[in-house]
Amino acid sequence: MSEVRKAWSWRQAFCKSDLPGPTRAVLQALSMFMNAVGESCYPSIEDLVEYSGFSKNAVLKHVDIAKEAGWIEVSQHGFRGQRWKRQEYVARWPEHDLVAPSTSEHSVKNAEFEEKGGARGG
């Protein structure tokens, strides 16, 4: 899958997620600062306020919701002692979508596969 397609898929995925509408709107505003492949970006909170149309408090709240849900990673960007610091935002997929099936689920699926004549292996 191309990098551009991955970024587009991320945008589509959070829009179809169970996130609250304002959180999706803030993520959409955030995605406008990412390049075509969805790499990290550094917009100010004021930029996100302008692009989302929400208040500063609402933007901060919904960034936290997106972060807790696993849709973005947020870290400080800048050097110690500098007067300016920016948040770095990176698109992420929620971990619950990436977790492998549990051992018991996996065993049940293997048993079903073997019952249907599937290959047995190590």
N, C-alpha and C. Protein backbone atom coordinates (compact mmCIF):
# COMPACT_ATOMS: atom_id res chain seq x y z
N MET A 1 0.85 -1.17 0.00
CA MET A 1 0.00 0.00 0.00
C MET A 1 0.89 1.23 0.00
N SER A 2 0.58 2.18 -0.84
CA SER A 2 1.41 3.37 -0.92
C SER A 2 1.24 4.21 0.34
N GLU A 3 2.24 5.05 0.62
CA GLU A 3 2.19 5.91 1.80
C GLU A 3 1.03 6.89 1.73
N VAL A 4 0.75 7.42 0.54
CA VAL A 4 -0.36 8.36 0.39
C VAL A 4 -1.67 7.65 0.73
N ARG A 5 -1.80 6.44 0.27
CA ARG A 5 -3.02 5.68 0.54
C ARG A 5 -3.18 5.41 2.04
N LYS A 6 -2.08 5.15 2.74
CA LYS A 6 -2.14 4.92 4.19
C LYS A 6 -2.66 6.17 4.90
N ALA A 7 -2.16 7.34 4.52
CA ALA A 7 -2.61 8.59 5.14
C ALA A 7 -4.10 8.80 4.87
N TRP A 8 -4.51 8.56 3.64
CA TRP A 8 -5.91 8.72 3.29
C TRP A 8 -6.76 7.73 4.07
N SER A 9 -6.28 6.49 4.22
CA SER A 9 -7.01 5.48 4.99
C SER A 9 -7.16 5.90 6.44
N TRP A 10 -6.13 6.52 7.02
CA TRP A 10 -6.20 6.99 8.40
C TRP A 10 -7.29 8.04 8.53
N ARG A 11 -7.34 8.94 7.60
CA ARG A 11 -8.37 9.99 7.63
C ARG A 11 -9.77 9.38 7.52
N GLN A 12 -9.94 8.44 6.61
CA GLN A 12 -11.23 7.78 6.47
C GLN A 12 -11.58 6.99 7.72
N ALA A 13 -10.59 6.33 8.31
CA ALA A 13 -10.84 5.49 9.48
C ALA A 13 -11.30 6.30 10.68
N PHE A 14 -10.63 7.41 10.98
CA PHE A 14 -11.08 8.17 12.15
C PHE A 14 -12.43 8.83 11.89
N CYS A 15 -12.72 9.14 10.62
CA CYS A 15 -14.04 9.72 10.31
C CYS A 15 -15.16 8.69 10.49
N LYS A 16 -14.85 7.42 10.31
CA LYS A 16 -15.84 6.36 10.47
C LYS A 16 -15.80 5.74 11.86
N SER A 17 -14.93 6.24 12.72
CA SER A 17 -14.78 5.67 14.06
C SER A 17 -15.92 6.12 14.96
N ASP A 18 -15.90 5.62 16.19
CA ASP A 18 -16.91 6.01 17.16
C ASP A 18 -16.49 7.24 17.98
N LEU A 19 -15.47 7.95 17.51
CA LEU A 19 -15.05 9.18 18.18
C LEU A 19 -16.18 10.21 18.10
N PRO A 20 -16.29 11.08 19.10
CA PRO A 20 -17.29 12.15 19.02
C PRO A 20 -17.02 13.06 17.81
N GLY A 21 -18.06 13.63 17.27
CA GLY A 21 -17.93 14.51 16.10
C GLY A 21 -16.89 15.60 16.26
N PRO A 22 -16.87 16.31 17.39
CA PRO A 22 -15.87 17.37 17.54
C PRO A 22 -14.43 16.82 17.54
N THR A 23 -14.23 15.63 18.06
CA THR A 23 -12.89 15.03 18.04
C THR A 23 -12.48 14.72 16.61
N ARG A 24 -13.41 14.19 15.83
CA ARG A 24 -13.11 13.92 14.41
C ARG A 24 -12.81 15.22 13.68
N ALA A 25 -13.53 16.29 14.01
CA ALA A 25 -13.29 17.59 13.36
C ALA A 25 -11.91 18.12 13.71
N VAL A 26 -11.49 17.96 14.95
CA VAL A 26 -10.15 18.41 15.35
C VAL A 26 -9.09 17.56 14.64
N LEU A 27 -9.31 16.25 14.52
CA LEU A 27 -8.35 15.41 13.78
C LEU A 27 -8.30 15.80 12.31
N GLN A 28 -9.45 16.14 11.75
CA GLN A 28 -9.47 16.59 10.35
C GLN A 28 -8.67 17.87 10.20
N ALA A 29 -8.84 18.82 11.13
CA ALA A 29 -8.06 20.06 11.10
C ALA A 29 -6.58 19.74 11.23
N LEU A 30 -6.24 18.85 12.13
CA LEU A 30 -4.85 18.45 12.33
C LEU A 30 -4.27 17.83 11.05
N SER A 31 -5.06 17.01 10.39
CA SER A 31 -4.58 16.34 9.18
C SER A 31 -4.27 17.32 8.05
N MET A 32 -4.85 18.51 8.11
CA MET A 32 -4.58 19.52 7.09
C MET A 32 -3.13 20.03 7.17
N PHE A 33 -2.49 19.83 8.31
CA PHE A 33 -1.10 20.26 8.47
C PHE A 33 -0.11 19.15 8.14
N MET A 34 -0.60 17.93 7.93
CA MET A 34 0.27 16.80 7.59
C MET A 34 0.52 16.82 6.09
N ASN A 35 1.65 16.25 5.71
CA ASN A 35 1.91 16.18 4.27
C ASN A 35 1.07 15.07 3.65
N ALA A 36 1.25 14.81 2.38
CA ALA A 36 0.42 13.86 1.64
C ALA A 36 0.51 12.44 2.19
N VAL A 37 1.59 12.11 2.88
CA VAL A 37 1.74 10.76 3.40
C VAL A 37 1.42 10.68 4.89
N GLY A 38 0.90 11.75 5.46
CA GLY A 38 0.47 11.71 6.85
C GLY A 38 1.57 11.74 7.87
N GLU A 39 2.71 12.32 7.50
CA GLU A 39 3.81 12.40 8.46
C GLU A 39 3.52 13.44 9.53
N SER A 40 4.36 13.48 10.54
CA SER A 40 4.13 14.36 11.69
C SER A 40 4.00 15.82 11.26
N CYS A 41 3.32 16.58 12.14
CA CYS A 41 3.13 18.01 11.88
C CYS A 41 3.21 18.75 13.21
N TYR A 42 3.32 20.07 13.13
CA TYR A 42 3.58 20.90 14.29
C TYR A 42 2.68 22.14 14.37
N PRO A 43 1.38 22.02 14.15
CA PRO A 43 0.55 23.22 14.22
C PRO A 43 0.42 23.71 15.67
N SER A 44 0.25 25.00 15.82
CA SER A 44 0.01 25.56 17.15
C SER A 44 -1.44 25.29 17.53
N ILE A 45 -1.74 25.42 18.80
CA ILE A 45 -3.13 25.29 19.25
C ILE A 45 -3.98 26.37 18.58
N GLU A 46 -3.41 27.55 18.40
CA GLU A 46 -4.14 28.63 17.73
C GLU A 46 -4.49 28.24 16.29
N ASP A 47 -3.57 27.55 15.61
CA ASP A 47 -3.86 27.06 14.25
C ASP A 47 -5.03 26.08 14.28
N LEU A 48 -5.02 25.16 15.24
CA LEU A 48 -6.09 24.17 15.33
C LEU A 48 -7.42 24.82 15.69
N VAL A 49 -7.37 25.85 16.52
CA VAL A 49 -8.58 26.61 16.84
C VAL A 49 -9.14 27.24 15.57
N GLU A 50 -8.27 27.86 14.80
CA GLU A 50 -8.71 28.52 13.55
C GLU A 50 -9.27 27.52 12.55
N TYR A 51 -8.59 26.41 12.35
CA TYR A 51 -9.00 25.45 11.33
C TYR A 51 -10.20 24.61 11.75
N SER A 52 -10.37 24.38 13.05
CA SER A 52 -11.49 23.55 13.51
C SER A 52 -12.73 24.36 13.81
N GLY A 53 -12.55 25.64 14.18
CA GLY A 53 -13.68 26.47 14.56
C GLY A 53 -14.10 26.29 16.01
N PHE A 54 -13.32 25.55 16.79
CA PHE A 54 -13.63 25.33 18.20
C PHE A 54 -12.78 26.23 19.08
N SER A 55 -13.19 26.36 20.33
CA SER A 55 -12.42 27.16 21.29
C SER A 55 -11.13 26.43 21.66
N LYS A 56 -10.22 27.15 22.28
CA LYS A 56 -8.94 26.56 22.70
C LYS A 56 -9.19 25.39 23.67
N ASN A 57 -10.08 25.58 24.63
CA ASN A 57 -10.38 24.51 25.58
C ASN A 57 -10.96 23.28 24.89
N ALA A 58 -11.84 23.50 23.92
CA ALA A 58 -12.44 22.38 23.19
C ALA A 58 -11.38 21.64 22.38
N VAL A 59 -10.49 22.38 21.71
CA VAL A 59 -9.42 21.75 20.93
C VAL A 59 -8.54 20.91 21.85
N LEU A 60 -8.13 21.47 22.97
CA LEU A 60 -7.28 20.72 23.91
C LEU A 60 -7.98 19.45 24.41
N LYS A 61 -9.26 19.57 24.72
CA LYS A 61 -10.04 18.42 25.18
C LYS A 61 -10.09 17.33 24.12
N HIS A 62 -10.36 17.71 22.87
CA HIS A 62 -10.54 16.72 21.82
C HIS A 62 -9.21 16.15 21.31
N VAL A 63 -8.15 16.91 21.44
CA VAL A 63 -6.82 16.35 21.16
C VAL A 63 -6.53 15.25 22.19
N ASP A 64 -6.85 15.51 23.45
CA ASP A 64 -6.66 14.50 24.50
C ASP A 64 -7.50 13.26 24.26
N ILE A 65 -8.74 13.45 23.83
CA ILE A 65 -9.62 12.31 23.54
C ILE A 65 -9.02 11.47 22.41
N ALA A 66 -8.56 12.13 21.35
CA ALA A 66 -7.96 11.41 20.21
C ALA A 66 -6.68 10.68 20.63
N LYS A 67 -5.90 11.34 21.48
CA LYS A 67 -4.66 10.74 21.97
C LYS A 67 -4.96 9.51 22.83
N GLU A 68 -5.91 9.64 23.75
CA GLU A 68 -6.28 8.51 24.61
C GLU A 68 -6.87 7.35 23.81
N ALA A 69 -7.58 7.66 22.73
CA ALA A 69 -8.17 6.62 21.89
C ALA A 69 -7.15 5.98 20.97
N GLY A 70 -5.95 6.55 20.89
CA GLY A 70 -4.89 5.96 20.08
C GLY A 70 -4.80 6.44 18.65
N TRP A 71 -5.52 7.52 18.32
CA TRP A 71 -5.51 8.01 16.94
C TRP A 71 -4.35 8.94 16.63
N ILE A 72 -3.74 9.53 17.65
CA ILE A 72 -2.57 10.38 17.46
C ILE A 72 -1.59 10.17 18.60
N GLU A 73 -0.35 10.48 18.31
CA GLU A 73 0.69 10.53 19.33
C GLU A 73 1.12 11.99 19.42
N VAL A 74 1.25 12.48 20.63
CA VAL A 74 1.62 13.88 20.84
C VAL A 74 2.87 13.93 21.69
N SER A 75 3.86 14.70 21.23
CA SER A 75 5.08 14.86 22.01
C SER A 75 5.58 16.30 21.88
N GLN A 76 6.42 16.72 22.81
CA GLN A 76 7.00 18.06 22.78
C GLN A 76 8.08 18.10 21.72
N HIS A 77 8.12 19.18 20.98
CA HIS A 77 9.16 19.37 19.98
C HIS A 77 9.84 20.71 20.28
N GLY A 78 11.13 20.66 20.39
CA GLY A 78 11.89 21.87 20.69
C GLY A 78 13.08 21.49 21.56
N PHE A 79 13.90 22.44 21.83
CA PHE A 79 15.09 22.18 22.61
C PHE A 79 14.94 22.77 24.00
N ARG A 80 15.52 22.12 24.95
CA ARG A 80 15.46 22.59 26.34
C ARG A 80 16.03 24.00 26.42
N GLY A 81 15.34 24.85 27.14
CA GLY A 81 15.81 26.21 27.31
C GLY A 81 15.30 27.19 26.27
N GLN A 82 14.71 26.69 25.19
CA GLN A 82 14.17 27.60 24.18
C GLN A 82 12.86 28.19 24.67
N ARG A 83 12.55 29.36 24.21
CA ARG A 83 11.30 30.00 24.60
C ARG A 83 10.12 29.42 23.84
N TRP A 84 10.34 28.90 22.66
CA TRP A 84 9.23 28.33 21.89
C TRP A 84 9.27 26.81 21.97
N LYS A 85 8.14 26.24 22.03
CA LYS A 85 8.00 24.79 21.97
C LYS A 85 6.73 24.51 21.19
N ARG A 86 6.75 23.45 20.45
CA ARG A 86 5.58 23.03 19.70
C ARG A 86 5.29 21.58 20.03
N GLN A 87 4.03 21.25 19.90
CA GLN A 87 3.64 19.86 20.01
C GLN A 87 3.87 19.21 18.65
N GLU A 88 4.37 18.00 18.66
CA GLU A 88 4.49 17.21 17.44
C GLU A 88 3.34 16.21 17.45
N TYR A 89 2.59 16.17 16.36
CA TYR A 89 1.45 15.27 16.23
C TYR A 89 1.76 14.24 15.16
N VAL A 90 1.55 12.97 15.49
CA VAL A 90 1.80 11.88 14.55
C VAL A 90 0.53 11.04 14.45
N ALA A 91 0.12 10.74 13.24
CA ALA A 91 -1.06 9.89 13.02
C ALA A 91 -0.74 8.47 13.48
N ARG A 92 -1.66 7.87 14.21
CA ARG A 92 -1.53 6.50 14.70
C ARG A 92 -2.85 5.77 14.52
N TRP A 93 -2.77 4.45 14.51
CA TRP A 93 -3.97 3.62 14.49
C TRP A 93 -4.18 3.13 15.91
N PRO A 94 -5.40 3.10 16.37
CA PRO A 94 -5.65 2.63 17.74
C PRO A 94 -5.13 1.21 17.93
N GLU A 95 -4.53 0.97 19.09
CA GLU A 95 -3.95 -0.34 19.37
C GLU A 95 -4.99 -1.44 19.35
N HIS A 96 -6.21 -1.15 19.77
CA HIS A 96 -7.21 -2.22 19.81
C HIS A 96 -7.47 -2.79 18.42
N ASP A 97 -7.19 -2.03 17.38
CA ASP A 97 -7.35 -2.54 16.02
C ASP A 97 -6.14 -3.33 15.56
N LEU A 98 -5.03 -3.20 16.27
CA LEU A 98 -3.80 -3.84 15.85
C LEU A 98 -3.43 -5.05 16.70
N VAL A 99 -4.16 -5.31 17.77
CA VAL A 99 -3.83 -6.40 18.68
C VAL A 99 -4.18 -7.73 18.04
N ALA A 100 -3.26 -8.69 18.17
CA ALA A 100 -3.50 -10.03 17.64
C ALA A 100 -4.60 -10.70 18.45
N PRO A 101 -5.30 -11.66 17.87
CA PRO A 101 -6.35 -12.35 18.63
C PRO A 101 -5.75 -13.02 19.86
N SER A 102 -6.57 -13.14 20.90
CA SER A 102 -6.08 -13.79 22.11
C SER A 102 -5.76 -15.24 21.83
N THR A 103 -4.99 -15.85 22.72
CA THR A 103 -4.58 -17.24 22.55
C THR A 103 -5.79 -18.15 22.45
N SER A 104 -6.81 -17.94 23.28
CA SER A 104 -7.98 -18.81 23.24
C SER A 104 -8.73 -18.65 21.92
N GLU A 105 -8.87 -17.42 21.43
CA GLU A 105 -9.52 -17.20 20.13
C GLU A 105 -8.72 -17.87 19.04
N HIS A 106 -7.41 -17.73 19.11
CA HIS A 106 -6.53 -18.32 18.10
C HIS A 106 -6.66 -19.84 18.11
N SER A 107 -6.72 -20.46 19.29
CA SER A 107 -6.84 -21.91 19.42
C SER A 107 -8.15 -22.39 18.84
N VAL A 108 -9.24 -21.66 19.11
CA VAL A 108 -10.55 -22.04 18.58
C VAL A 108 -10.53 -21.97 17.07
N LYS A 109 -9.94 -20.92 16.51
CA LYS A 109 -9.88 -20.78 15.06
C LYS A 109 -9.03 -21.89 14.45
N ASN A 110 -7.92 -22.26 15.10
CA ASN A 110 -7.08 -23.35 14.60
C ASN A 110 -7.84 -24.66 14.63
N ALA A 111 -8.59 -24.91 15.71
CA ALA A 111 -9.35 -26.15 15.82
C ALA A 111 -10.40 -26.23 14.71
N GLU A 112 -11.09 -25.11 14.47
CA GLU A 112 -12.08 -25.08 13.39
C GLU A 112 -11.43 -25.32 12.04
N PHE A 113 -10.25 -24.74 11.83
CA PHE A 113 -9.53 -24.90 10.57
C PHE A 113 -9.14 -26.36 10.37
N GLU A 114 -8.65 -27.01 11.42
CA GLU A 114 -8.23 -28.42 11.32
C GLU A 114 -9.42 -29.32 11.10
N GLU A 115 -10.58 -29.03 11.74
CA GLU A 115 -11.77 -29.83 11.55
C GLU A 115 -12.24 -29.79 10.09
N LYS A 116 -11.98 -28.68 9.44
CA LYS A 116 -12.42 -28.53 8.05
C LYS A 116 -11.37 -29.03 7.07
N GLY A 117 -10.37 -29.76 7.57
CA GLY A 117 -9.39 -30.37 6.69
C GLY A 117 -8.20 -29.49 6.40
N GLY A 118 -7.99 -28.44 7.20
CA GLY A 118 -6.87 -27.55 7.00
C GLY A 118 -5.56 -28.24 7.33
N ALA A 119 -4.49 -27.67 6.86
CA ALA A 119 -3.17 -28.24 7.10
C ALA A 119 -2.83 -28.12 8.59
N ARG A 120 -2.17 -29.14 9.10
CA ARG A 120 -1.69 -29.10 10.47
C ARG A 120 -0.23 -28.74 10.45
N GLY A 121 0.12 -27.87 11.31
CA GLY A 121 1.52 -27.45 11.28
C GLY A 121 2.00 -27.06 12.65
N GLY A 122 3.29 -26.74 12.69
CA GLY A 122 3.93 -26.40 13.95
C GLY A 122 3.77 -25.02 14.29
